[in-house]
């Protein structure tokens, strides 16, 4: 079987030109190279990349991959081709898989991907490659975001009709049929919603630095959490009402035991960042070492007990 050592990117135009906006070309190349770097890192494949002179045919770029293992370079190029041509469906199953994968540790993800990589090198079955690519797309935000940026950049060039990818051998002969993505399908690769499922941590301790003691709309509280200063919204309305009515007082070092919501998003580099914090419920208020249960916690416990007793009655 012929092994791929080169990767061709072919931009087809609506006209007969062979030029491309230099700024957009540069931005698209940065995203492409970032995808290559991230996928090579995921697969633990060491390689160098060389760019060949641009060829005619609308606009063609050829990238030569250099590495110690020909089989691993072939695997990297095959995986790269699939990543750039397989869009993620937005069905319920995919969404649930994304949520599940977010719970996995970095080490668990690496182990699973390495297992699939070894399986591919032994079996060489295409369906194993597809499973590996699905796993990467569902667990690695950098690859998905960089791919989205790539398609977003080239979509700004009106004359681009499609972009095609193919694997080449060392003589630049195509060893796979071009996989063509047409302009109307670029949107399937562009991620518009960069929000991730919120994470709720129960009964964490926040050392309050600056409470909001009046009815300032959208005002943020400030606290120390995990030795970091954070700003957060107070969504526990019963507790907030007690604070406004001066039923709860704050001193230096006051601590709230509460349920903390962490709202996360993916930035333009594919990194997960915290977008906001919010306290959903305050369970206890600790001042000068004295721990008191909040009226909010008592009220919610009474509601829960009432609902449970109703369930027992009808059962």
C-alpha atoms as a PDB file:
ATOM      1  CA  UNK A   1       0.000   0.000   0.000  1.00  0.00           C
ATOM      2  CA  UNK A   2       1.318   3.456  -0.940  1.00  0.00           C
ATOM      3  CA  UNK A   3       1.914   5.714   2.049  1.00  0.00           C
ATOM      4  CA  UNK A   4       1.039   9.399   2.078  1.00  0.00           C
ATOM      5  CA  UNK A   5       3.823  11.874   2.762  1.00  0.00           C
ATOM      6  CA  UNK A   6       2.171  14.971   1.298  1.00  0.00           C
ATOM      7  CA  UNK A   7      -1.145  16.744   1.775  1.00  0.00           C
ATOM      8  CA  UNK A   8      -2.802  18.847  -0.914  1.00  0.00           C
ATOM      9  CA  UNK A   9      -5.201  21.719  -0.256  1.00  0.00           C
ATOM     10  CA  UNK A  10      -6.978  22.845  -3.420  1.00  0.00           C
ATOM     11  CA  UNK A  11      -9.151  25.976  -3.419  1.00  0.00           C
ATOM     12  CA  UNK A  12     -11.496  26.016  -6.424  1.00  0.00           C
ATOM     13  CA  UNK A  13     -12.643  29.427  -7.648  1.00  0.00           C
ATOM     14  CA  UNK A  14     -15.665  30.690  -9.555  1.00  0.00           C
ATOM     15  CA  UNK A  15     -13.351  32.510 -11.962  1.00  0.00           C
ATOM     16  CA  UNK A  16     -10.096  31.690 -13.777  1.00  0.00           C
ATOM     17  CA  UNK A  17      -7.816  33.540 -11.365  1.00  0.00           C
ATOM     18  CA  UNK A  18      -4.916  31.987  -9.452  1.00  0.00           C
ATOM     19  CA  UNK A  19      -4.582  34.543  -6.663  1.00  0.00           C
ATOM     20  CA  UNK A  20      -5.868  34.653  -3.094  1.00  0.00           C
ATOM     21  CA  UNK A  21      -6.127  37.544  -0.630  1.00  0.00           C
ATOM     22  CA  UNK A  22      -2.796  37.432   1.231  1.00  0.00           C
ATOM     23  CA  UNK A  23      -4.265  38.324   4.632  1.00  0.00           C
ATOM     24  CA  UNK A  24      -6.977  35.661   4.454  1.00  0.00           C
ATOM     25  CA  UNK A  25      -4.485  33.115   3.075  1.00  0.00           C
ATOM     26  CA  UNK A  26      -2.174  33.821   6.005  1.00  0.00           C
ATOM     27  CA  UNK A  27      -4.982  33.515   8.582  1.00  0.00           C
ATOM     28  CA  UNK A  28      -6.240  30.264   7.036  1.00  0.00           C
ATOM     29  CA  UNK A  29      -2.712  28.815   7.006  1.00  0.00           C
ATOM     30  CA  UNK A  30      -2.248  29.650  10.705  1.00  0.00           C
ATOM     31  CA  UNK A  31      -5.427  27.736  11.531  1.00  0.00           C
ATOM     32  CA  UNK A  32      -4.407  24.815   9.288  1.00  0.00           C
ATOM     33  CA  UNK A  33      -0.944  24.601  10.863  1.00  0.00           C
ATOM     34  CA  UNK A  34      -2.487  24.806  14.342  1.00  0.00           C
ATOM     35  CA  UNK A  35      -4.732  21.823  13.490  1.00  0.00           C
ATOM     36  CA  UNK A  36      -1.706  19.850  12.224  1.00  0.00           C
ATOM     37  CA  UNK A  37       0.280  20.695  15.362  1.00  0.00           C
ATOM     38  CA  UNK A  38      -2.576  19.766  17.711  1.00  0.00           C
ATOM     39  CA  UNK A  39      -3.421  16.485  15.941  1.00  0.00           C
ATOM     40  CA  UNK A  40       0.268  15.479  15.813  1.00  0.00           C
ATOM     41  CA  UNK A  41       0.494  16.206  19.531  1.00  0.00           C
ATOM     42  CA  UNK A  42      -2.669  14.168  20.250  1.00  0.00           C
ATOM     43  CA  UNK A  43      -1.272  11.210  18.297  1.00  0.00           C
ATOM     44  CA  UNK A  44       2.260  11.661  19.764  1.00  0.00           C
ATOM     45  CA  UNK A  45       3.726  11.902  16.257  1.00  0.00           C
ATOM     46  CA  UNK A  46       6.858  13.981  15.743  1.00  0.00           C
ATOM     47  CA  UNK A  47       7.101  15.603  12.312  1.00  0.00           C
ATOM     48  CA  UNK A  48       8.246  18.649  10.370  1.00  0.00           C
ATOM     49  CA  UNK A  49       6.234  20.390   7.691  1.00  0.00           C
ATOM     50  CA  UNK A  50       7.492  21.933   4.459  1.00  0.00           C
ATOM     51  CA  UNK A  51       5.474  24.103   2.073  1.00  0.00           C
ATOM     52  CA  UNK A  52       5.921  23.577  -1.670  1.00  0.00           C
ATOM     53  CA  UNK A  53       5.557  26.335  -4.233  1.00  0.00           C
ATOM     54  CA  UNK A  54       1.949  27.191  -5.044  1.00  0.00           C
ATOM     55  CA  UNK A  55       0.697  25.418  -8.167  1.00  0.00           C
ATOM     56  CA  UNK A  56      -1.877  26.534 -10.705  1.00  0.00           C
ATOM     57  CA  UNK A  57      -5.416  25.202 -10.814  1.00  0.00           C
ATOM     58  CA  UNK A  58      -7.339  27.974  -9.044  1.00  0.00           C
ATOM     59  CA  UNK A  59      -5.084  27.849  -5.947  1.00  0.00           C
ATOM     60  CA  UNK A  60      -3.193  24.756  -4.796  1.00  0.00           C
ATOM     61  CA  UNK A  61      -0.984  24.306  -1.729  1.00  0.00           C
ATOM     62  CA  UNK A  62       1.078  21.184  -1.083  1.00  0.00           C
ATOM     63  CA  UNK A  63       2.463  20.374   2.355  1.00  0.00           C
ATOM     64  CA  UNK A  64       5.230  17.803   2.808  1.00  0.00           C
ATOM     65  CA  UNK A  65       5.345  15.933   6.120  1.00  0.00           C
ATOM     66  CA  UNK A  66       8.760  14.765   7.314  1.00  0.00           C
ATOM     67  CA  UNK A  67       9.193  12.252  10.126  1.00  0.00           C
ATOM     68  CA  UNK A  68      11.023   9.122  11.245  1.00  0.00           C
ATOM     69  CA  UNK A  69       8.067   6.747  10.805  1.00  0.00           C
ATOM     70  CA  UNK A  70       6.419   6.596   7.359  1.00  0.00           C
ATOM     71  CA  UNK A  71       3.415   4.728   8.791  1.00  0.00           C
ATOM     72  CA  UNK A  72       2.840   7.345  11.477  1.00  0.00           C
ATOM     73  CA  UNK A  73       3.107  10.190   8.944  1.00  0.00           C
ATOM     74  CA  UNK A  74       0.579   8.349   6.762  1.00  0.00           C
ATOM     75  CA  UNK A  75      -1.734   8.009   9.799  1.00  0.00           C
ATOM     76  CA  UNK A  76      -1.381  11.708  10.624  1.00  0.00           C
ATOM     77  CA  UNK A  77      -2.276  12.761   7.067  1.00  0.00           C
ATOM     78  CA  UNK A  78      -5.228  10.330   6.952  1.00  0.00           C
ATOM     79  CA  UNK A  79      -6.597  11.637  10.263  1.00  0.00           C
ATOM     80  CA  UNK A  80      -6.049  15.234   9.148  1.00  0.00           C
ATOM     81  CA  UNK A  81      -8.031  14.577   5.936  1.00  0.00           C
ATOM     82  CA  UNK A  82     -10.972  13.199   7.914  1.00  0.00           C
ATOM     83  CA  UNK A  83     -10.908  16.036  10.455  1.00  0.00           C
ATOM     84  CA  UNK A  84     -11.113  18.642   7.682  1.00  0.00           C
ATOM     85  CA  UNK A  85     -13.916  16.858   5.801  1.00  0.00           C
ATOM     86  CA  UNK A  86     -16.179  15.281   8.448  1.00  0.00           C
ATOM     87  CA  UNK A  87     -18.633  17.697  10.054  1.00  0.00           C
ATOM     88  CA  UNK A  88     -20.052  17.068  13.490  1.00  0.00           C
ATOM     89  CA  UNK A  89     -23.784  16.428  13.632  1.00  0.00           C
ATOM     90  CA  UNK A  90     -25.693  18.350  16.262  1.00  0.00           C
ATOM     91  CA  UNK A  91     -28.010  15.522  17.281  1.00  0.00           C
ATOM     92  CA  UNK A  92     -28.886  14.528  20.830  1.00  0.00           C
ATOM     93  CA  UNK A  93     -26.479  11.589  20.839  1.00  0.00           C
ATOM     94  CA  UNK A  94     -23.559  13.847  19.897  1.00  0.00           C
ATOM     95  CA  UNK A  95     -24.488  16.414  22.553  1.00  0.00           C
ATOM     96  CA  UNK A  96     -24.655  13.739  25.237  1.00  0.00           C
ATOM     97  CA  UNK A  97     -21.298  12.354  24.087  1.00  0.00           C
ATOM     98  CA  UNK A  98     -19.755  15.817  24.378  1.00  0.00           C
ATOM     99  CA  UNK A  99     -21.034  16.174  27.950  1.00  0.00           C
ATOM    100  CA  UNK A 100     -19.707  12.735  28.857  1.00  0.00           C
ATOM    101  CA  UNK A 101     -16.303  13.452  27.351  1.00  0.00           C
ATOM    102  CA  UNK A 102     -15.996  16.689  29.324  1.00  0.00           C
ATOM    103  CA  UNK A 103     -15.983  14.575  32.501  1.00  0.00           C
ATOM    104  CA  UNK A 104     -12.984  12.541  31.348  1.00  0.00           C
ATOM    105  CA  UNK A 105      -9.569  13.487  32.647  1.00  0.00           C
ATOM    106  CA  UNK A 106      -6.785  14.482  30.261  1.00  0.00           C
ATOM    107  CA  UNK A 107      -5.005  11.196  30.998  1.00  0.00           C
ATOM    108  CA  UNK A 108      -8.144   9.129  30.255  1.00  0.00           C
ATOM    109  CA  UNK A 109      -8.516  10.856  26.885  1.00  0.00           C
ATOM    110  CA  UNK A 110      -4.857  10.273  26.018  1.00  0.00           C
ATOM    111  CA  UNK A 111      -5.086   6.584  26.922  1.00  0.00           C
ATOM    112  CA  UNK A 112      -8.201   6.082  24.787  1.00  0.00           C
ATOM    113  CA  UNK A 113      -6.708   7.864  21.764  1.00  0.00           C
ATOM    114  CA  UNK A 114      -3.403   5.961  22.089  1.00  0.00           C
ATOM    115  CA  UNK A 115      -5.337   2.681  22.205  1.00  0.00           C
ATOM    116  CA  UNK A 116      -7.151   3.557  18.962  1.00  0.00           C
ATOM    117  CA  UNK A 117      -3.895   4.736  17.352  1.00  0.00           C
ATOM    118  CA  UNK A 118      -2.221   1.370  18.051  1.00  0.00           C
ATOM    119  CA  UNK A 119      -5.305  -0.428  16.787  1.00  0.00           C
ATOM    120  CA  UNK A 120      -5.156   1.505  13.487  1.00  0.00           C
ATOM    121  CA  UNK A 121      -1.458   0.733  12.910  1.00  0.00           C
ATOM    122  CA  UNK A 122      -2.179  -2.980  13.383  1.00  0.00           C
ATOM    123  CA  UNK A 123      -5.572  -3.384  11.676  1.00  0.00           C
ATOM    124  CA  UNK A 124      -5.458  -0.513   9.120  1.00  0.00           C
ATOM    125  CA  UNK A 125      -9.267  -0.573   9.055  1.00  0.00           C
ATOM    126  CA  UNK A 126     -10.917   2.674   7.992  1.00  0.00           C
ATOM    127  CA  UNK A 127     -13.702   2.406  10.560  1.00  0.00           C
ATOM    128  CA  UNK A 128     -11.067   2.504  13.333  1.00  0.00           C
ATOM    129  CA  UNK A 129      -9.719   5.746  11.827  1.00  0.00           C
ATOM    130  CA  UNK A 130     -13.245   7.154  11.851  1.00  0.00           C
ATOM    131  CA  UNK A 131     -13.651   6.227  15.544  1.00  0.00           C
ATOM    132  CA  UNK A 132     -10.360   7.943  16.346  1.00  0.00           C
ATOM    133  CA  UNK A 133     -11.394  11.106  14.490  1.00  0.00           C
ATOM    134  CA  UNK A 134     -14.826  11.117  16.174  1.00  0.00           C
ATOM    135  CA  UNK A 135     -13.078  10.846  19.524  1.00  0.00           C
ATOM    136  CA  UNK A 136     -10.763  13.777  18.723  1.00  0.00           C
ATOM    137  CA  UNK A 137     -13.641  15.959  17.491  1.00  0.00           C
ATOM    138  CA  UNK A 138     -15.731  15.209  20.589  1.00  0.00           C
ATOM    139  CA  UNK A 139     -12.951  15.790  23.117  1.00  0.00           C
ATOM    140  CA  UNK A 140     -10.547  18.365  21.699  1.00  0.00           C
ATOM    141  CA  UNK A 141     -11.903  21.904  21.566  1.00  0.00           C
ATOM    142  CA  UNK A 142      -8.716  23.280  19.998  1.00  0.00           C
ATOM    143  CA  UNK A 143      -9.061  21.120  16.879  1.00  0.00           C
ATOM    144  CA  UNK A 144     -12.770  21.913  16.480  1.00  0.00           C
ATOM    145  CA  UNK A 145     -12.248  25.656  17.055  1.00  0.00           C
ATOM    146  CA  UNK A 146      -9.242  25.943  14.752  1.00  0.00           C
ATOM    147  CA  UNK A 147     -11.115  24.041  12.047  1.00  0.00           C
ATOM    148  CA  UNK A 148     -14.060  26.400  12.504  1.00  0.00           C
ATOM    149  CA  UNK A 149     -11.715  29.393  12.181  1.00  0.00           C
ATOM    150  CA  UNK A 150     -10.239  27.921   8.994  1.00  0.00           C
ATOM    151  CA  UNK A 151     -13.612  27.561   7.276  1.00  0.00           C
ATOM    152  CA  UNK A 152     -14.767  30.923   8.589  1.00  0.00           C
ATOM    153  CA  UNK A 153     -11.697  32.612   7.053  1.00  0.00           C
ATOM    154  CA  UNK A 154     -12.024  31.072   3.592  1.00  0.00           C
ATOM    155  CA  UNK A 155     -15.789  31.712   3.586  1.00  0.00           C
ATOM    156  CA  UNK A 156     -14.955  35.439   3.442  1.00  0.00           C
ATOM    157  CA  UNK A 157     -13.502  34.973  -0.071  1.00  0.00           C
ATOM    158  CA  UNK A 158     -16.539  35.161  -2.350  1.00  0.00           C
ATOM    159  CA  UNK A 159     -14.827  33.542  -5.332  1.00  0.00           C
ATOM    160  CA  UNK A 160     -13.969  30.308  -3.464  1.00  0.00           C
ATOM    161  CA  UNK A 161     -16.410  27.715  -4.773  1.00  0.00           C
ATOM    162  CA  UNK A 162     -15.020  24.811  -2.745  1.00  0.00           C
ATOM    163  CA  UNK A 163     -11.964  23.481  -0.973  1.00  0.00           C
ATOM    164  CA  UNK A 164     -10.631  19.964  -1.570  1.00  0.00           C
ATOM    165  CA  UNK A 165      -8.142  17.825   0.320  1.00  0.00           C
ATOM    166  CA  UNK A 166      -6.169  14.824  -0.917  1.00  0.00           C
ATOM    167  CA  UNK A 167      -3.254  12.599   0.111  1.00  0.00           C
ATOM    168  CA  UNK A 168      -0.148  12.429  -2.074  1.00  0.00           C
ATOM    169  CA  UNK A 169       2.847  10.114  -2.120  1.00  0.00           C
ATOM    170  CA  UNK A 170       6.465  11.331  -2.142  1.00  0.00           C
ATOM    171  CA  UNK A 171       6.329  11.869  -5.927  1.00  0.00           C
ATOM    172  CA  UNK A 172       3.244  14.123  -5.505  1.00  0.00           C
ATOM    173  CA  UNK A 173       0.963  11.523  -7.090  1.00  0.00           C
ATOM    174  CA  UNK A 174      -2.542  11.437  -5.616  1.00  0.00           C
ATOM    175  CA  UNK A 175      -3.209   8.220  -3.686  1.00  0.00           C
ATOM    176  CA  UNK A 176      -6.713   9.187  -2.637  1.00  0.00           C
ATOM    177  CA  UNK A 177      -9.574  10.869  -4.409  1.00  0.00           C
ATOM    178  CA  UNK A 178     -10.049  14.543  -3.552  1.00  0.00           C
ATOM    179  CA  UNK A 179     -12.571  15.127  -0.780  1.00  0.00           C
ATOM    180  CA  UNK A 180     -14.379  18.264  -1.834  1.00  0.00           C
ATOM    181  CA  UNK A 181     -16.241  20.545   0.582  1.00  0.00           C
ATOM    182  CA  UNK A 182     -18.500  22.995  -1.242  1.00  0.00           C
ATOM    183  CA  UNK A 183     -19.106  26.542  -0.117  1.00  0.00           C
ATOM    184  CA  UNK A 184     -22.706  25.880   0.969  1.00  0.00           C
ATOM    185  CA  UNK A 185     -21.377  23.264   3.414  1.00  0.00           C
ATOM    186  CA  UNK A 186     -18.718  25.467   5.058  1.00  0.00           C
ATOM    187  CA  UNK A 187     -21.309  26.362   7.694  1.00  0.00           C
ATOM    188  CA  UNK A 188     -21.362  22.724   8.870  1.00  0.00           C
ATOM    189  CA  UNK A 189     -17.794  23.149  10.110  1.00  0.00           C
ATOM    190  CA  UNK A 190     -18.208  26.588  11.680  1.00  0.00           C
ATOM    191  CA  UNK A 191     -18.964  26.652  15.401  1.00  0.00           C
ATOM    192  CA  UNK A 192     -21.286  29.532  16.294  1.00  0.00           C
ATOM    193  CA  UNK A 193     -22.068  28.563  19.892  1.00  0.00           C
ATOM    194  CA  UNK A 194     -18.892  28.525  21.996  1.00  0.00           C
ATOM    195  CA  UNK A 195     -20.624  27.850  25.323  1.00  0.00           C
ATOM    196  CA  UNK A 196     -20.034  24.625  27.253  1.00  0.00           C
ATOM    197  CA  UNK A 197     -22.356  22.912  29.741  1.00  0.00           C
ATOM    198  CA  UNK A 198     -22.227  24.767  33.055  1.00  0.00           C
ATOM    199  CA  UNK A 199     -20.544  23.025  35.968  1.00  0.00           C
ATOM    200  CA  UNK A 200     -22.211  23.222  39.409  1.00  0.00           C
ATOM    201  CA  UNK A 201     -20.055  22.621  42.485  1.00  0.00           C
ATOM    202  CA  UNK A 202     -22.057  21.876  45.625  1.00  0.00           C
ATOM    203  CA  UNK A 203     -21.300  23.274  49.074  1.00  0.00           C
ATOM    204  CA  UNK A 204     -18.092  25.133  48.215  1.00  0.00           C
ATOM    205  CA  UNK A 205     -16.724  27.845  50.514  1.00  0.00           C
ATOM    206  CA  UNK A 206     -16.393  31.426  49.276  1.00  0.00           C
ATOM    207  CA  UNK A 207     -14.619  34.010  51.425  1.00  0.00           C
ATOM    208  CA  UNK A 208     -16.545  37.199  50.768  1.00  0.00           C
ATOM    209  CA  UNK A 209     -14.468  40.241  49.849  1.00  0.00           C
ATOM    210  CA  UNK A 210     -17.244  42.606  48.760  1.00  0.00           C
ATOM    211  CA  UNK A 211     -20.963  41.776  49.173  1.00  0.00           C
ATOM    212  CA  UNK A 212     -23.669  43.757  47.390  1.00  0.00           C
ATOM    213  CA  UNK A 213     -25.704  45.293  50.196  1.00  0.00           C
ATOM    214  CA  UNK A 214     -28.278  47.222  48.162  1.00  0.00           C
ATOM    215  CA  UNK A 215     -30.467  46.859  45.080  1.00  0.00           C
ATOM    216  CA  UNK A 216     -27.821  47.620  42.446  1.00  0.00           C
ATOM    217  CA  UNK A 217     -29.012  45.932  39.253  1.00  0.00           C
ATOM    218  CA  UNK A 218     -26.522  43.411  37.810  1.00  0.00           C
ATOM    219  CA  UNK A 219     -23.962  44.268  40.491  1.00  0.00           C
ATOM    220  CA  UNK A 220     -21.397  41.521  41.096  1.00  0.00           C
ATOM    221  CA  UNK A 221     -20.259  40.164  44.441  1.00  0.00           C
ATOM    222  CA  UNK A 222     -16.542  39.557  44.966  1.00  0.00           C
ATOM    223  CA  UNK A 223     -14.980  36.634  46.808  1.00  0.00           C
ATOM    224  CA  UNK A 224     -11.887  34.466  47.138  1.00  0.00           C
ATOM    225  CA  UNK A 225     -12.255  30.951  45.707  1.00  0.00           C
ATOM    226  CA  UNK A 226      -9.344  28.510  45.387  1.00  0.00           C
ATOM    227  CA  UNK A 227      -6.986  31.357  46.318  1.00  0.00           C
ATOM    228  CA  UNK A 228      -8.256  33.446  43.392  1.00  0.00           C
ATOM    229  CA  UNK A 229     -10.364  36.596  43.362  1.00  0.00           C
ATOM    230  CA  UNK A 230     -13.629  36.046  41.487  1.00  0.00           C
ATOM    231  CA  UNK A 231     -16.737  38.081  40.725  1.00  0.00           C
ATOM    232  CA  UNK A 232     -20.100  36.335  40.782  1.00  0.00           C
ATOM    233  CA  UNK A 233     -23.836  36.875  40.473  1.00  0.00           C
ATOM    234  CA  UNK A 234     -26.001  36.094  43.506  1.00  0.00           C
ATOM    235  CA  UNK A 235     -28.958  34.054  42.229  1.00  0.00           C
ATOM    236  CA  UNK A 236     -30.273  32.999  45.647  1.00  0.00           C
ATOM    237  CA  UNK A 237     -33.093  35.548  45.939  1.00  0.00           C
ATOM    238  CA  UNK A 238     -34.135  34.585  49.485  1.00  0.00           C
ATOM    239  CA  UNK A 239     -30.583  35.046  50.766  1.00  0.00           C
ATOM    240  CA  UNK A 240     -30.203  38.263  48.783  1.00  0.00           C
ATOM    241  CA  UNK A 241     -33.424  39.636  50.301  1.00  0.00           C
ATOM    242  CA  UNK A 242     -32.137  38.883  53.815  1.00  0.00           C
ATOM    243  CA  UNK A 243     -28.904  40.731  53.009  1.00  0.00           C
ATOM    244  CA  UNK A 244     -30.821  43.770  51.700  1.00  0.00           C
ATOM    245  CA  UNK A 245     -32.985  43.770  54.860  1.00  0.00           C
ATOM    246  CA  UNK A 246     -29.799  43.651  56.998  1.00  0.00           C
ATOM    247  CA  UNK A 247     -30.749  40.298  58.546  1.00  0.00           C
ATOM    248  CA  UNK A 248     -27.308  39.013  57.569  1.00  0.00           C
ATOM    249  CA  UNK A 249     -24.180  40.986  58.419  1.00  0.00           C
ATOM    250  CA  UNK A 250     -20.702  40.652  56.967  1.00  0.00           C
ATOM    251  CA  UNK A 251     -17.323  41.057  58.670  1.00  0.00           C
ATOM    252  CA  UNK A 252     -13.765  40.502  57.517  1.00  0.00           C
ATOM    253  CA  UNK A 253     -13.404  36.808  56.600  1.00  0.00           C
ATOM    254  CA  UNK A 254     -17.118  36.017  56.268  1.00  0.00           C
ATOM    255  CA  UNK A 255     -17.604  32.706  54.447  1.00  0.00           C
ATOM    256  CA  UNK A 256     -20.590  31.456  52.452  1.00  0.00           C
ATOM    257  CA  UNK A 257     -21.141  27.723  51.984  1.00  0.00           C
ATOM    258  CA  UNK A 258     -22.959  27.589  48.672  1.00  0.00           C
ATOM    259  CA  UNK A 259     -23.607  25.901  45.327  1.00  0.00           C
ATOM    260  CA  UNK A 260     -21.398  27.591  42.740  1.00  0.00           C
ATOM    261  CA  UNK A 261     -22.195  27.539  39.022  1.00  0.00           C
ATOM    262  CA  UNK A 262     -19.179  27.875  36.716  1.00  0.00           C
ATOM    263  CA  UNK A 263     -20.082  29.084  33.226  1.00  0.00           C
ATOM    264  CA  UNK A 264     -17.423  28.144  30.676  1.00  0.00           C
ATOM    265  CA  UNK A 265     -16.795  28.873  27.017  1.00  0.00           C
ATOM    266  CA  UNK A 266     -14.219  28.128  24.336  1.00  0.00           C
ATOM    267  CA  UNK A 267     -12.121  31.081  23.162  1.00  0.00           C
ATOM    268  CA  UNK A 268     -10.821  31.657  19.621  1.00  0.00           C
ATOM    269  CA  UNK A 269      -7.738  29.517  20.340  1.00  0.00           C
ATOM    270  CA  UNK A 270      -9.868  26.560  21.420  1.00  0.00           C
ATOM    271  CA  UNK A 271      -8.961  26.974  25.092  1.00  0.00           C
ATOM    272  CA  UNK A 272     -11.610  26.472  27.778  1.00  0.00           C
ATOM    273  CA  UNK A 273     -11.996  29.609  29.891  1.00  0.00           C
ATOM    274  CA  UNK A 274     -14.351  30.647  32.686  1.00  0.00           C
ATOM    275  CA  UNK A 275     -16.870  33.182  31.389  1.00  0.00           C
ATOM    276  CA  UNK A 276     -18.748  33.798  34.652  1.00  0.00           C
ATOM    277  CA  UNK A 277     -19.578  32.529  38.135  1.00  0.00           C
ATOM    278  CA  UNK A 278     -22.963  32.448  39.857  1.00  0.00           C
ATOM    279  CA  UNK A 279     -24.104  31.332  43.317  1.00  0.00           C
ATOM    280  CA  UNK A 280     -27.309  29.320  42.950  1.00  0.00           C
ATOM    281  CA  UNK A 281     -28.006  28.689  46.655  1.00  0.00           C
ATOM    282  CA  UNK A 282     -26.396  29.674  49.943  1.00  0.00           C
ATOM    283  CA  UNK A 283     -26.544  26.902  52.569  1.00  0.00           C
ATOM    284  CA  UNK A 284     -24.609  28.454  55.443  1.00  0.00           C
ATOM    285  CA  UNK A 285     -23.251  31.803  56.537  1.00  0.00           C
ATOM    286  CA  UNK A 286     -20.062  31.753  58.675  1.00  0.00           C
ATOM    287  CA  UNK A 287     -19.031  34.909  60.534  1.00  0.00           C
ATOM    288  CA  UNK A 288     -16.429  35.072  63.342  1.00  0.00           C
ATOM    289  CA  UNK A 289     -16.414  31.272  63.416  1.00  0.00           C
ATOM    290  CA  UNK A 290     -20.176  31.056  64.038  1.00  0.00           C
ATOM    291  CA  UNK A 291     -21.942  28.868  61.470  1.00  0.00           C
ATOM    292  CA  UNK A 292     -25.620  29.560  60.703  1.00  0.00           C
ATOM    293  CA  UNK A 293     -27.968  27.865  58.278  1.00  0.00           C
ATOM    294  CA  UNK A 294     -29.620  30.353  55.923  1.00  0.00           C
ATOM    295  CA  UNK A 295     -33.342  30.928  55.608  1.00  0.00           C
ATOM    296  CA  UNK A 296     -32.947  29.933  51.947  1.00  0.00           C
ATOM    297  CA  UNK A 297     -31.573  26.494  52.897  1.00  0.00           C
ATOM    298  CA  UNK A 298     -34.352  25.945  55.463  1.00  0.00           C
ATOM    299  CA  UNK A 299     -37.044  26.958  52.958  1.00  0.00           C
ATOM    300  CA  UNK A 300     -35.692  24.683  50.215  1.00  0.00           C
ATOM    301  CA  UNK A 301     -35.403  21.768  52.663  1.00  0.00           C
ATOM    302  CA  UNK A 302     -39.011  22.225  53.772  1.00  0.00           C
ATOM    303  CA  UNK A 303     -40.190  22.287  50.123  1.00  0.00           C
ATOM    304  CA  UNK A 304     -38.196  19.147  49.383  1.00  0.00           C
ATOM    305  CA  UNK A 305     -39.578  17.329  52.453  1.00  0.00           C
ATOM    306  CA  UNK A 306     -43.123  18.336  51.515  1.00  0.00           C
ATOM    307  CA  UNK A 307     -42.702  16.975  47.968  1.00  0.00           C
ATOM    308  CA  UNK A 308     -41.227  13.734  49.304  1.00  0.00           C
ATOM    309  CA  UNK A 309     -44.120  13.286  51.755  1.00  0.00           C
ATOM    310  CA  UNK A 310     -46.629  13.814  48.933  1.00  0.00           C
ATOM    311  CA  UNK A 311     -44.875  11.098  46.933  1.00  0.00           C
ATOM    312  CA  UNK A 312     -45.114   8.674  49.870  1.00  0.00           C
ATOM    313  CA  UNK A 313     -48.821   9.473  50.301  1.00  0.00           C
ATOM    314  CA  UNK A 314     -49.729   8.643  46.679  1.00  0.00           C
ATOM    315  CA  UNK A 315     -47.460   5.603  46.447  1.00  0.00           C
END
